[in-house]
Amino acid sequence: MNNMTALVSCFARYYHTKTDEAKIFDDPLAGEILSESEKNAIAENMKNGIAFFDSNYSGGDPLGRVMNGFIAPSVIARSAFCKRHMENEIRLGARQYVIAAAGYDTSGYKIDRDIKVFELDRPEMIEDKVRRIDEAGIDRENISYVGCDLGKDFIPALLNAGYDPKERTFFSLLGISFYLTQDKFARCVKILFENSASESALVFDFPNDRDCTREQKNRLLAGGAGEEMKARYSHTDIELIAGEAGALIYELADSGDIDRDFFKAHNEMKNAEPILAPEGVSYCLIVKKDGQY
C-alpha cells in the first residue's frame, strides 16, 4: 500500500508541532499516529535529500531546512486555512464535517462530539488509519469512515454511512485537486453541493498557474511516490467550477494572503527562520447559494 504522501503530510504537522514554539498550526495527535520508526525513517530520508531541495545548503540542520523550507509550508498553510473556516462554519450552524481524501488528518478528532464527521478515502487507507487511531487510544466515537473512490460516484457510500444531505455541512477537499483531472475535481465539487443543504461550505487548495521552484520539486516528489499531479488552475477555472456547482466564492487566497493571515506572527518571532507559503498553491472557500438544487 502506498500512503507515502499522507505519511509525509502527517510528519510535517508532527514536526512543526514538536519543534516550533511559534506555532502556525498545532496538531499533537499527528505524532501519536506515527510510529517512532516511521518518524525516524522519514526524518532520515528528508535529511538525506537536502541536495535535491537545496544543493547550496551548508548549515547544520538539513532536516529543518527541508521541512520548513519545502515540505511543511503547504501542509500547515492548508491545515490552518481549513481550521479557521471549519470553526467558523460550525459557529454558523454546520452540524456535519466531511473530509474527502482524509489520509491521516486529525482535525475531526478535536472538535465538538456533537458534530458528525465523515472521513472519505480508499478502503485500505481507512483500514490503516483506524488501526493507528485505535492503537493510539484516540476517541473516534463521532467519526464515520467511508471507503470509496473519489473519482467515481461516492455519494451512495456517504449516505449509507449516515450523512444527511438536508443538514448544513462543512466539506474539506484539501490536496485533492492536485491528483484528479480538472474535470473530475469539478464533478466532485458539484456532486457534493448537489447533495447538501444551502449555505454548506467547502474549502480546497489548488495548484495555481505560477511555476515556482518549490512546486516543481514537490511535483517531482509526488511523482516519485506514485501520485502524479494532474492539474493546475487559474482563478477563472475556479470561478467556473464554483459557478457550475451553484456556489459563491467567499475567499480566494494566494501565498501573500496566507503569509499575512497565518505566518506573520511566526515570522515576526523567528525572522531569521521565516516560513513562507508556497507561491504555486492557492486556497479557496466556496458556499452553496440558497435555493440551488
Protein backbone atom coordinates (compact mmCIF):
# COMPACT_ATOMS: atom_id res chain seq x y z
CA MET A 1 0.00 0.00 0.00
CA ASN A 2 1.39 3.43 -0.95
CA ASN A 3 0.44 6.04 1.61
CA MET A 4 3.72 7.93 1.47
CA THR A 5 2.26 11.35 0.64
CA ALA A 6 -0.20 11.06 3.55
CA LEU A 7 2.57 9.89 5.89
CA VAL A 8 4.85 12.79 4.96
CA SER A 9 2.00 15.28 5.43
CA CYS A 10 1.31 13.83 8.88
CA PHE A 11 5.02 14.00 9.70
CA ALA A 12 5.09 17.66 8.63
CA ARG A 13 2.32 18.51 11.10
CA TYR A 14 4.05 16.50 13.82
CA TYR A 15 7.42 18.12 13.12
CA HIS A 16 6.02 21.65 13.20
CA THR A 17 4.09 20.96 16.41
CA LYS A 18 7.11 19.42 18.14
CA THR A 19 9.90 21.75 17.05
CA ASP A 20 8.42 25.21 16.55
CA GLU A 21 7.47 27.27 19.59
CA ALA A 22 5.91 29.90 17.29
CA LYS A 23 3.22 27.53 16.05
CA ILE A 24 1.20 28.26 12.94
CA PHE A 25 -0.85 25.09 13.36
CA ASP A 26 -0.84 22.79 16.38
CA ASP A 27 -1.50 19.08 15.86
CA PRO A 28 -0.49 16.98 18.88
CA LEU A 29 -2.35 13.94 17.54
CA ALA A 30 -0.17 13.72 14.42
CA GLY A 31 2.74 12.36 16.42
CA GLU A 32 0.54 9.80 18.14
CA ILE A 33 -0.47 8.00 14.95
CA LEU A 34 3.07 7.73 13.59
CA SER A 35 5.39 5.09 14.99
CA GLU A 36 8.85 6.09 16.20
CA SER A 37 10.40 4.03 13.41
CA GLU A 38 8.32 5.91 10.83
CA LYS A 39 9.30 9.28 12.29
CA ASN A 40 12.96 8.32 12.24
CA ALA A 41 12.80 6.91 8.71
CA ILE A 42 11.03 9.96 7.26
CA ALA A 43 13.40 12.33 9.06
CA GLU A 44 16.41 10.45 7.74
CA ASN A 45 15.06 10.44 4.19
CA MET A 46 14.45 14.19 4.35
CA LYS A 47 17.93 14.89 5.69
CA ASN A 48 19.48 12.71 3.02
CA GLY A 49 17.51 14.60 0.37
CA ILE A 50 18.91 18.03 1.20
CA ALA A 51 20.89 18.17 -2.05
CA PHE A 52 17.67 17.69 -4.03
CA PHE A 53 15.91 20.53 -2.20
CA ASP A 54 18.81 22.95 -1.68
CA SER A 55 22.09 21.98 -3.30
CA ASN A 56 23.87 25.00 -1.80
CA TYR A 57 22.87 24.35 1.81
CA SER A 58 25.81 24.17 4.22
CA GLY A 59 24.08 24.66 7.59
CA GLY A 60 23.82 22.24 10.46
CA ASP A 61 20.11 21.38 10.32
CA PRO A 62 19.28 19.79 6.97
CA LEU A 63 16.01 18.33 8.31
CA GLY A 64 14.84 21.75 9.44
CA ARG A 65 15.80 23.27 6.11
CA VAL A 66 13.87 20.66 4.12
CA MET A 67 10.81 20.68 6.35
CA ASN A 68 10.46 24.42 6.97
CA GLY A 69 11.61 25.48 3.54
CA PHE A 70 9.85 22.97 1.31
CA ILE A 71 7.56 20.35 2.88
CA ALA A 72 5.75 21.85 5.86
CA PRO A 73 4.61 25.25 4.49
CA SER A 74 1.94 23.87 2.15
CA VAL A 75 0.72 21.34 4.73
CA ILE A 76 0.37 23.77 7.63
CA ALA A 77 -0.99 26.53 5.39
CA ARG A 78 -3.91 24.42 4.18
CA SER A 79 -4.47 22.98 7.66
CA ALA A 80 -4.64 26.45 9.22
CA PHE A 81 -6.89 27.75 6.43
CA CYS A 82 -9.26 24.81 6.87
CA LYS A 83 -9.30 25.09 10.68
CA ARG A 84 -10.26 28.76 10.57
CA HIS A 85 -13.20 28.17 8.25
CA MET A 86 -14.27 24.89 9.85
CA GLU A 87 -14.56 26.54 13.26
CA ASN A 88 -16.44 29.49 11.77
CA GLU A 89 -18.89 27.29 9.86
CA ILE A 90 -19.63 25.27 12.99
CA ARG A 91 -20.36 28.53 14.82
CA LEU A 92 -22.72 29.43 11.98
CA GLY A 93 -24.62 26.16 12.28
CA ALA A 94 -22.84 23.38 10.35
CA ARG A 95 -23.50 20.03 12.03
CA GLN A 96 -21.58 17.74 9.68
CA TYR A 97 -17.93 17.76 8.67
CA VAL A 98 -16.95 15.77 5.58
CA ILE A 99 -13.24 15.24 4.92
CA ALA A 100 -12.51 13.90 1.44
CA ALA A 101 -9.19 12.10 0.95
CA ALA A 102 -8.80 12.29 4.72
CA GLY A 103 -5.49 10.44 4.86
CA TYR A 104 -4.05 10.85 8.36
CA ASP A 105 -5.85 14.13 9.01
CA THR A 106 -6.73 14.52 12.71
CA SER A 107 -8.98 17.60 12.66
CA GLY A 108 -12.18 15.60 13.15
CA TYR A 109 -10.92 14.16 16.44
CA LYS A 110 -10.50 17.55 18.08
CA ILE A 111 -13.94 19.13 17.60
CA ASP A 112 -17.24 19.03 19.47
CA ARG A 113 -18.55 15.46 19.66
CA ASP A 114 -21.97 16.73 18.57
CA ILE A 115 -20.56 17.29 15.07
CA LYS A 116 -20.83 14.26 12.80
CA VAL A 117 -17.56 13.66 11.00
CA PHE A 118 -17.27 11.61 7.79
CA GLU A 119 -13.82 10.63 6.54
CA LEU A 120 -13.64 9.53 2.90
CA ASP A 121 -10.68 7.68 1.45
CA ARG A 122 -9.57 4.44 -0.17
CA PRO A 123 -10.68 1.40 1.89
CA GLU A 124 -7.10 0.28 2.53
CA MET A 125 -6.15 3.78 3.68
CA ILE A 126 -9.07 3.84 6.10
CA GLU A 127 -8.22 0.40 7.46
CA ASP A 128 -4.67 1.52 8.20
CA LYS A 129 -5.80 4.78 9.80
CA VAL A 130 -8.37 3.12 12.06
CA ARG A 131 -5.66 0.73 13.25
CA ARG A 132 -3.39 3.66 14.11
CA ILE A 133 -6.18 5.61 15.83
CA ASP A 134 -7.13 2.61 17.96
CA GLU A 135 -3.53 1.79 18.86
CA ALA A 136 -3.07 5.41 19.98
CA GLY A 137 -6.23 5.23 22.10
CA ILE A 138 -7.84 8.21 20.35
CA ASP A 139 -11.62 8.54 20.72
CA ARG A 140 -13.39 8.10 17.37
CA GLU A 141 -16.99 7.85 18.53
CA ASN A 142 -18.21 10.66 16.27
CA ILE A 143 -16.23 9.56 13.20
CA SER A 144 -17.74 7.57 10.32
CA TYR A 145 -15.33 6.09 7.80
CA VAL A 146 -16.36 5.84 4.16
CA GLY A 147 -14.28 3.71 1.83
CA CYS A 148 -14.68 4.98 -1.72
CA ASP A 149 -13.07 6.22 -4.93
CA LEU A 150 -13.44 10.00 -5.17
CA GLY A 151 -13.07 9.80 -8.93
CA LYS A 152 -16.32 7.82 -9.13
CA ASP A 153 -19.81 8.09 -7.58
CA PHE A 154 -19.14 8.06 -3.83
CA ILE A 155 -22.44 9.61 -2.68
CA PRO A 156 -24.27 6.29 -2.04
CA ALA A 157 -21.48 5.19 0.30
CA LEU A 158 -21.61 8.55 2.10
CA LEU A 159 -25.39 8.31 2.51
CA ASN A 160 -25.12 4.75 3.79
CA ALA A 161 -22.71 5.99 6.47
CA GLY A 162 -25.40 8.28 7.88
CA TYR A 163 -24.71 11.53 6.08
CA ASP A 164 -27.78 13.82 5.93
CA PRO A 165 -27.96 15.90 2.72
CA LYS A 166 -30.50 18.21 4.37
CA GLU A 167 -28.07 19.21 7.13
CA ARG A 168 -25.73 22.17 6.78
CA THR A 169 -22.25 20.73 6.18
CA PHE A 170 -18.63 21.80 6.02
CA PHE A 171 -16.56 19.98 3.38
CA SER A 172 -12.78 19.73 3.22
CA LEU A 173 -11.21 18.77 -0.11
CA LEU A 174 -7.61 19.55 0.76
CA GLY A 175 -4.97 18.10 -1.53
CA ILE A 176 -7.47 16.55 -3.94
CA SER A 177 -7.30 18.98 -6.85
CA PHE A 178 -3.63 18.12 -7.38
CA TYR A 179 -4.27 14.46 -8.14
CA LEU A 180 -7.55 14.50 -10.07
CA THR A 181 -8.03 15.83 -13.56
CA GLN A 182 -9.74 19.21 -13.64
CA ASP A 183 -12.98 17.65 -14.93
CA LYS A 184 -13.05 15.03 -12.17
CA PHE A 185 -12.34 17.60 -9.48
CA ALA A 186 -15.11 19.87 -10.77
CA ARG A 187 -17.50 16.91 -10.79
CA CYS A 188 -16.53 16.05 -7.21
CA VAL A 189 -17.33 19.59 -6.04
CA LYS A 190 -20.61 19.68 -7.95
CA ILE A 191 -21.84 16.32 -6.69
CA LEU A 192 -21.17 17.32 -3.09
CA PHE A 193 -23.19 20.50 -3.43
CA GLU A 194 -25.97 18.63 -5.26
CA ASN A 195 -26.25 16.53 -2.11
CA SER A 196 -26.01 19.19 0.58
CA ALA A 197 -28.09 21.90 2.22
CA SER A 198 -27.98 25.57 1.24
CA GLU A 199 -25.16 27.51 2.91
CA SER A 200 -22.99 24.42 3.16
CA ALA A 201 -19.36 25.41 2.69
CA LEU A 202 -16.36 23.77 1.06
CA VAL A 203 -12.63 24.50 1.31
CA PHE A 204 -9.91 23.30 -1.01
CA ASP A 205 -6.40 24.14 -2.08
CA PHE A 206 -5.24 24.00 -5.67
CA PRO A 207 -2.07 24.30 -7.76
CA ASN A 208 -2.27 27.68 -9.46
CA ASP A 209 -0.66 28.72 -12.73
CA ARG A 210 2.56 30.02 -11.17
CA ASP A 211 5.51 27.72 -11.83
CA CYS A 212 7.89 28.06 -8.88
CA THR A 213 10.97 26.04 -7.96
CA ARG A 214 9.41 24.73 -4.74
CA GLU A 215 6.32 23.48 -6.56
CA GLN A 216 8.44 21.87 -9.29
CA LYS A 217 10.26 19.87 -6.62
CA ASN A 218 7.01 18.89 -4.91
CA ARG A 219 5.62 17.63 -8.21
CA LEU A 220 8.73 15.51 -8.69
CA LEU A 221 8.35 14.11 -5.17
CA ALA A 222 4.69 13.27 -5.74
CA GLY A 223 5.54 11.53 -8.98
CA GLY A 224 8.24 9.53 -7.23
CA ALA A 225 5.67 8.43 -4.64
CA GLY A 226 3.38 7.18 -7.41
CA GLU A 227 0.93 10.09 -7.08
CA GLU A 228 1.41 12.23 -10.16
CA MET A 229 -0.06 15.73 -10.03
CA LYS A 230 -2.57 16.04 -12.88
CA ALA A 231 -3.90 19.60 -12.98
CA ARG A 232 -3.26 23.31 -12.48
CA TYR A 233 -5.89 26.04 -12.19
CA SER A 234 -6.29 29.71 -12.98
CA HIS A 235 -8.64 31.90 -10.95
CA THR A 236 -11.00 31.78 -13.94
CA ASP A 237 -11.04 27.99 -13.71
CA ILE A 238 -12.01 28.21 -10.04
CA GLU A 239 -14.79 30.69 -10.80
CA LEU A 240 -16.20 28.29 -13.39
CA ILE A 241 -16.03 25.32 -11.01
CA ALA A 242 -17.84 27.29 -8.30
CA GLY A 243 -20.47 28.57 -10.71
CA GLU A 244 -21.22 25.14 -12.12
CA ALA A 245 -21.64 23.82 -8.57
CA GLY A 246 -24.12 26.56 -7.67
CA ALA A 247 -21.69 28.17 -5.24
CA LEU A 248 -20.23 31.57 -4.48
CA ILE A 249 -16.55 32.19 -3.80
CA TYR A 250 -16.22 33.64 -0.30
CA GLU A 251 -12.42 33.61 -0.12
CA LEU A 252 -9.70 33.05 -2.70
CA ALA A 253 -6.30 33.31 -1.03
CA ASP A 254 -2.85 33.29 -2.59
CA SER A 255 0.52 32.95 -0.86
CA GLY A 256 0.68 36.61 0.19
CA ASP A 257 -2.70 36.32 1.91
CA ILE A 258 -1.60 33.18 3.76
CA ASP A 259 1.68 34.79 4.84
CA ARG A 260 -0.27 37.76 6.22
CA ASP A 261 -3.10 35.86 7.89
CA PHE A 262 -1.28 32.82 9.28
CA PHE A 263 2.51 33.12 9.03
CA LYS A 264 3.10 36.76 10.04
CA ALA A 265 3.21 36.22 13.82
CA HIS A 266 5.57 33.26 13.41
CA ASN A 267 7.91 35.17 11.14
CA GLU A 268 7.99 38.19 13.42
CA MET A 269 9.14 35.92 16.25
CA LYS A 270 11.59 33.98 14.08
CA ASN A 271 12.62 36.47 11.41
CA ALA A 272 15.88 34.63 10.79
CA GLU A 273 13.95 31.43 10.01
CA PRO A 274 10.76 32.51 8.21
CA ILE A 275 8.22 30.04 6.90
CA LEU A 276 6.63 31.23 3.67
CA ALA A 277 3.51 29.93 1.96
CA PRO A 278 4.18 28.29 -1.41
CA GLU A 279 3.56 30.69 -4.29
CA GLY A 280 2.28 27.90 -6.51
CA VAL A 281 -0.66 26.98 -4.26
CA SER A 282 -3.89 28.92 -3.64
CA TYR A 283 -6.75 28.31 -1.20
CA CYS A 284 -10.49 28.72 -1.63
CA LEU A 285 -13.73 28.78 0.36
CA ILE A 286 -16.97 28.43 -1.57
CA VAL A 287 -20.52 28.40 -0.19
CA LYS A 288 -23.63 26.87 -1.74
CA LYS A 289 -26.11 29.53 -2.75
CA ASP A 290 -29.57 29.48 -1.20
CA GLY A 291 -32.09 27.60 -3.30
CA GLN A 292 -29.58 25.76 -5.51
CA TYR A 293 -30.51 22.19 -6.50
